[in-house]
Protein backbone atom coordinates (compact mmCIF):
# COMPACT_ATOMS: atom_id res chain seq x y z
CA MET A 1 -6.02 10.69 -11.79
CA LYS A 2 -9.02 12.98 -12.08
CA GLN A 3 -9.82 11.52 -15.50
CA LEU A 4 -9.61 7.99 -14.13
CA TYR A 5 -11.91 8.92 -11.24
CA GLU A 6 -14.45 10.49 -13.59
CA LYS A 7 -14.33 7.47 -15.90
CA SER A 8 -14.79 4.81 -13.22
CA GLU A 9 -14.81 5.28 -9.47
CA LEU A 10 -14.42 1.53 -8.91
CA ILE A 11 -11.27 1.28 -11.01
CA PHE A 12 -9.93 4.42 -9.31
CA ALA A 13 -10.43 2.80 -5.89
CA LEU A 14 -8.85 -0.47 -7.02
CA VAL A 15 -5.82 1.36 -8.40
CA TRP A 16 -5.28 3.12 -5.06
CA ILE A 17 -5.71 -0.15 -3.16
CA GLY A 18 -3.09 -1.72 -5.44
CA ILE A 19 -0.71 1.21 -4.90
CA TYR A 20 -1.20 0.92 -1.13
CA CYS A 21 -0.46 -2.82 -1.15
CA VAL A 22 2.70 -2.38 -3.21
CA LEU A 23 3.97 0.42 -0.98
CA GLN A 24 3.25 -1.59 2.19
CA SER A 25 5.16 -4.53 0.77
CA LEU A 26 8.11 -2.32 -0.13
CA ALA A 27 8.07 -0.72 3.32
CA ASN A 28 8.08 -4.11 5.05
CA SER A 29 10.99 -5.28 2.90
CA LEU A 30 12.90 -2.09 3.63
CA ASN A 31 12.26 -2.50 7.36
CA GLU A 32 13.74 -5.99 7.27
CA ILE A 33 16.79 -4.76 5.36
CA ILE A 34 17.54 -1.94 7.80
CA GLY A 35 16.62 -4.01 10.86
CA ILE A 36 13.52 -2.27 12.13
CA THR A 37 10.97 -4.53 13.82
CA ASN A 38 7.41 -4.30 12.56
CA PHE A 39 5.62 -3.57 15.85
CA GLY A 40 2.17 -3.78 14.25
CA MET A 41 2.46 -7.52 13.82
CA GLY A 42 2.81 -8.05 17.57
CA LEU A 43 -0.51 -6.41 18.45
CA ARG A 44 -2.73 -9.39 17.68
């Protein structure tokens, strides 16, 4: 990761944003499977 950061900070940031989005999607799917309500969606 250090090499990627040194090569291009923008690509490094985009990679981490992509990882975050994928993990959030997986977490939401897992919550639905195990029956946990996503309380964050009700705070609008």
